[in-house]
Amino acid sequence: MTQDANVFVLSLGGSLIIPESGIDVAFLIKFHEFIRDQVISKKRRFFITVGGGSITRHYQKAAREVRKQDLSDTDADWLGVHATRLNAQLIRAIFQDLADPRVIKHYEIILKIQSPVAIAAGWKPGWSTDYCAVTVCQDYGLTQVVNLTNVDQVYDKDPNKFPDAKPLKDISWSKYREMVGEVWKPGMNAPFDPIASKLAQEVGVNVKILNGKNLDNLALALDGKPFVGTMIK
């Protein structure tokens, strides 16, 4: 695969769109302006895969409370998949004059997309939309995902549990996968999910992980300049 310098795959974390407090309209306004400027001023194109955010957890919690027992992983994942599809429709509507009218959600079908923005959602149970972002790279011949999350960098261990956790500027896929393991669980909190990581390593996709709220920093990452975050390759 060869990376087109003007085409980018962004994995937009659902936590940025819908944190526990509800839809973050202030962030979406800034993100909308940022992408629009990138398209107009730098002639760039974007595939944006969209995560589920807190809406996923709310639906999963409700189903468990009504059942009075746990959900199967498959059912929990399907709720997450459909949450991503609702969020993806929100993002597509925001970019309606720039975006392809179709939301990518069946990755075995490669759509011919000419629009500057294409929105993608969850596919099926077994992984997060990080995996979908890597699949977009496969389908469209791209080699890098920029993962927009709510943390600044990947750490060598959980910074919420270990005060001495150290941020990592770069890390190999083999070392990263040792940290996150091999198993996906619905609602799993990892900078990049383990199933997506396995595929990315196999097909040669690099991932930049950074805080999506810092759009100036995102601009540096897109320009190939030093940025605050972590490169996994």
Protein backbone atom coordinates (compact mmCIF):
# COMPACT_ATOMS: atom_id res chain seq x y z
CA MET A 1 0.00 0.00 0.00
CA THR A 2 1.14 3.56 -0.64
CA GLN A 3 -0.11 6.55 1.31
CA ASP A 4 -1.58 9.38 -0.75
CA ALA A 5 -0.19 12.49 0.96
CA ASN A 6 -3.55 14.27 0.73
CA VAL A 7 -5.83 11.45 1.94
CA PHE A 8 -6.19 10.67 5.65
CA VAL A 9 -8.05 8.11 7.74
CA LEU A 10 -9.21 9.53 11.06
CA SER A 11 -10.57 7.27 13.79
CA LEU A 12 -12.78 9.69 15.73
CA GLY A 13 -13.34 8.41 19.24
CA GLY A 14 -16.94 8.40 20.41
CA SER A 15 -15.82 9.89 23.73
CA LEU A 16 -15.06 13.13 21.88
CA ILE A 17 -18.50 13.26 20.28
CA ILE A 18 -20.63 12.05 23.17
CA PRO A 19 -18.91 12.09 26.57
CA GLU A 20 -20.99 11.31 29.66
CA SER A 21 -22.29 14.90 29.72
CA GLY A 22 -23.98 14.50 26.30
CA ILE A 23 -23.19 15.57 22.74
CA ASP A 24 -20.19 17.92 22.80
CA VAL A 25 -21.48 20.55 20.38
CA ALA A 26 -18.59 22.92 21.14
CA PHE A 27 -16.07 20.27 20.05
CA LEU A 28 -18.07 19.39 16.94
CA ILE A 29 -18.17 23.05 15.87
CA LYS A 30 -14.37 23.28 16.12
CA PHE A 31 -13.84 19.90 14.44
CA HIS A 32 -16.21 20.86 11.61
CA GLU A 33 -14.33 24.12 11.03
CA PHE A 34 -10.96 22.34 11.16
CA ILE A 35 -11.84 19.65 8.60
CA ARG A 36 -13.54 22.17 6.32
CA ASP A 37 -10.42 24.36 6.38
CA GLN A 38 -8.17 21.36 5.64
CA VAL A 39 -10.34 20.43 2.65
CA ILE A 40 -10.53 23.94 1.23
CA SER A 41 -7.06 25.32 1.95
CA LYS A 42 -4.97 22.15 1.56
CA LYS A 43 -7.16 20.14 -0.84
CA ARG A 44 -7.14 17.18 1.54
CA ARG A 45 -9.61 14.28 1.69
CA PHE A 46 -10.71 12.41 4.79
CA PHE A 47 -12.19 9.07 5.71
CA ILE A 48 -13.60 9.51 9.24
CA THR A 49 -14.58 6.39 11.20
CA VAL A 50 -16.84 7.26 14.10
CA GLY A 51 -16.99 5.61 17.54
CA GLY A 52 -19.96 5.07 19.84
CA GLY A 53 -19.12 7.06 22.95
CA SER A 54 -21.27 7.10 26.08
CA ILE A 55 -24.43 6.26 24.12
CA THR A 56 -23.07 2.73 23.69
CA ARG A 57 -22.59 2.26 27.43
CA HIS A 58 -26.05 3.67 28.20
CA TYR A 59 -27.75 1.19 25.89
CA GLN A 60 -25.68 -1.73 27.17
CA LYS A 61 -26.38 -0.76 30.79
CA ALA A 62 -30.12 -0.47 30.12
CA ALA A 63 -30.26 -3.90 28.48
CA ARG A 64 -28.41 -5.50 31.39
CA GLU A 65 -30.67 -3.82 33.96
CA VAL A 66 -33.84 -5.00 32.23
CA ARG A 67 -32.51 -8.54 31.80
CA LYS A 68 -31.16 -8.52 35.36
CA GLN A 69 -28.13 -10.37 34.04
CA ASP A 70 -25.26 -9.79 31.67
CA LEU A 71 -25.55 -9.53 27.89
CA SER A 72 -23.76 -11.75 25.45
CA ASP A 73 -20.71 -10.10 23.93
CA THR A 74 -22.42 -10.28 20.55
CA ASP A 75 -25.51 -8.39 21.70
CA ALA A 76 -23.39 -5.83 23.56
CA ASP A 77 -21.31 -5.31 20.43
CA TRP A 78 -24.36 -4.92 18.19
CA LEU A 79 -25.63 -2.13 20.44
CA GLY A 80 -22.22 -0.51 20.06
CA VAL A 81 -22.25 -0.95 16.29
CA HIS A 82 -25.61 0.79 15.96
CA ALA A 83 -24.50 3.57 18.32
CA THR A 84 -21.58 4.25 15.97
CA ARG A 85 -23.97 4.34 13.02
CA LEU A 86 -26.15 6.96 14.72
CA ASN A 87 -23.07 9.04 15.54
CA ALA A 88 -21.79 8.59 11.99
CA GLN A 89 -25.06 9.95 10.60
CA LEU A 90 -24.62 12.97 12.87
CA ILE A 91 -21.11 13.61 11.52
CA ARG A 92 -22.26 13.04 7.92
CA ALA A 93 -25.09 15.54 8.40
CA ILE A 94 -22.62 18.12 9.73
CA PHE A 95 -20.53 17.71 6.59
CA GLN A 96 -23.48 17.21 4.24
CA ASP A 97 -22.16 19.50 1.50
CA LEU A 98 -18.68 17.88 1.59
CA ALA A 99 -19.45 14.27 2.45
CA ASP A 100 -20.48 11.29 0.39
CA PRO A 101 -24.18 10.70 1.18
CA ARG A 102 -23.48 7.06 2.11
CA VAL A 103 -22.07 5.98 5.48
CA ILE A 104 -19.55 3.16 5.03
CA LYS A 105 -20.70 0.24 7.19
CA HIS A 106 -20.17 -2.87 5.05
CA TYR A 107 -16.43 -3.07 4.45
CA GLU A 108 -16.56 -5.96 2.02
CA ILE A 109 -18.12 -3.46 -0.41
CA ILE A 110 -15.63 -0.89 -1.71
CA LEU A 111 -17.48 2.29 -2.66
CA LYS A 112 -16.23 4.67 -5.33
CA ILE A 113 -15.94 7.88 -3.37
CA GLN A 114 -15.04 11.21 -4.96
CA SER A 115 -16.25 13.50 -2.17
CA PRO A 116 -13.62 15.17 0.04
CA VAL A 117 -15.14 13.58 3.16
CA ALA A 118 -16.40 10.02 3.69
CA ILE A 119 -17.90 8.87 6.98
CA ALA A 120 -17.63 5.29 8.25
CA ALA A 121 -19.31 3.48 11.17
CA GLY A 122 -19.12 0.13 12.93
CA TRP A 123 -19.35 -3.07 10.92
CA LYS A 124 -20.12 -6.16 13.01
CA PRO A 125 -19.31 -7.66 16.43
CA GLY A 126 -15.78 -8.57 17.43
CA TRP A 127 -13.88 -5.28 17.40
CA SER A 128 -14.17 -1.51 17.66
CA THR A 129 -14.24 1.10 14.91
CA ASP A 130 -10.42 1.17 15.16
CA TYR A 131 -10.57 -2.09 13.18
CA CYS A 132 -12.86 -0.44 10.66
CA ALA A 133 -10.32 2.37 10.24
CA VAL A 134 -7.60 -0.16 9.41
CA THR A 135 -9.98 -1.89 6.99
CA VAL A 136 -10.57 1.45 5.25
CA CYS A 137 -6.79 1.65 4.78
CA GLN A 138 -6.83 -1.81 3.22
CA ASP A 139 -9.77 -1.06 0.95
CA TYR A 140 -8.47 2.27 -0.32
CA GLY A 141 -4.72 1.64 -0.38
CA LEU A 142 -3.68 3.82 2.58
CA THR A 143 -1.03 3.21 5.22
CA GLN A 144 -1.83 5.37 8.23
CA VAL A 145 -4.62 5.98 10.74
CA VAL A 146 -4.73 9.08 12.92
CA ASN A 147 -6.57 8.02 16.07
CA LEU A 148 -8.35 10.89 17.83
CA THR A 149 -9.00 10.02 21.43
CA ASN A 150 -9.43 11.73 24.82
CA VAL A 151 -5.88 11.06 26.09
CA ASP A 152 -2.66 12.76 25.02
CA GLN A 153 -0.47 9.70 24.51
CA VAL A 154 -0.06 5.98 25.05
CA TYR A 155 1.59 5.18 28.38
CA ASP A 156 3.70 2.19 29.37
CA LYS A 157 0.99 1.36 31.95
CA ASP A 158 -2.36 2.74 33.07
CA PRO A 159 -1.71 6.32 34.29
CA ASN A 160 -4.97 6.22 36.29
CA LYS A 161 -3.55 3.40 38.41
CA PHE A 162 0.19 4.04 38.33
CA PRO A 163 1.51 7.56 39.07
CA ASP A 164 4.90 6.59 37.61
CA ALA A 165 3.42 5.69 34.19
CA LYS A 166 5.55 7.11 31.39
CA PRO A 167 4.24 8.51 28.08
CA LEU A 168 5.56 6.85 24.94
CA LYS A 169 6.52 8.89 21.87
CA ASP A 170 6.72 5.80 19.69
CA ILE A 171 6.34 2.07 20.11
CA SER A 172 6.46 -0.99 17.87
CA TRP A 173 3.33 -3.00 17.15
CA SER A 174 4.82 -6.06 18.84
CA LYS A 175 5.46 -4.16 22.10
CA TYR A 176 2.12 -2.39 21.97
CA ARG A 177 0.28 -5.66 21.45
CA GLU A 178 2.04 -7.16 24.46
CA MET A 179 0.55 -4.29 26.49
CA VAL A 180 -3.06 -4.52 25.28
CA GLY A 181 -3.29 -8.30 24.82
CA GLU A 182 -5.09 -10.27 22.14
CA VAL A 183 -8.74 -10.24 23.29
CA TRP A 184 -11.47 -7.71 22.50
CA LYS A 185 -14.29 -7.13 24.99
CA PRO A 186 -17.24 -4.80 24.29
CA GLY A 187 -16.61 -1.42 25.93
CA MET A 188 -12.90 -2.15 26.26
CA ASN A 189 -10.85 0.96 27.08
CA ALA A 190 -7.61 0.77 25.09
CA PRO A 191 -5.94 3.48 22.98
CA PHE A 192 -6.21 1.16 19.95
CA ASP A 193 -8.11 -2.09 20.16
CA PRO A 194 -6.19 -5.41 20.11
CA ILE A 195 -7.94 -6.89 17.06
CA ALA A 196 -7.34 -3.71 15.08
CA SER A 197 -3.72 -3.72 16.24
CA LYS A 198 -3.20 -7.27 14.98
CA LEU A 199 -4.58 -6.37 11.56
CA ALA A 200 -2.60 -3.11 11.39
CA GLN A 201 0.65 -4.96 12.08
CA GLU A 202 -0.17 -7.63 9.50
CA VAL A 203 -0.97 -5.20 6.68
CA GLY A 204 1.62 -2.52 7.49
CA VAL A 205 -0.57 0.31 8.76
CA ASN A 206 0.93 2.85 11.18
CA VAL A 207 -1.17 4.65 13.78
CA LYS A 208 -0.75 8.08 15.31
CA ILE A 209 -2.59 8.40 18.63
CA LEU A 210 -3.30 11.88 20.01
CA ASN A 211 -5.85 13.96 21.89
CA GLY A 212 -8.51 14.88 19.36
CA LYS A 213 -9.48 18.06 21.21
CA ASN A 214 -6.11 19.64 20.44
CA LEU A 215 -6.72 20.52 16.82
CA ASP A 216 -3.50 22.54 16.47
CA ASN A 217 -1.63 19.38 17.44
CA LEU A 218 -3.71 17.36 14.96
CA ALA A 219 -2.66 19.80 12.23
CA LEU A 220 1.00 19.08 13.06
CA ALA A 221 0.37 15.34 12.84
CA LEU A 222 -1.35 15.68 9.46
CA ASP A 223 1.53 17.81 8.18
CA GLY A 224 4.05 15.14 9.20
CA LYS A 225 5.58 17.44 11.83
CA PRO A 226 6.49 16.55 15.45
CA PHE A 227 3.31 16.27 17.51
CA VAL A 228 2.30 15.40 21.06
CA GLY A 229 1.13 11.81 20.92
CA THR A 230 2.32 8.31 20.13
CA MET A 231 3.29 6.65 16.86
CA ILE A 232 2.74 2.90 16.66
CA LYS A 233 4.49 1.20 13.75
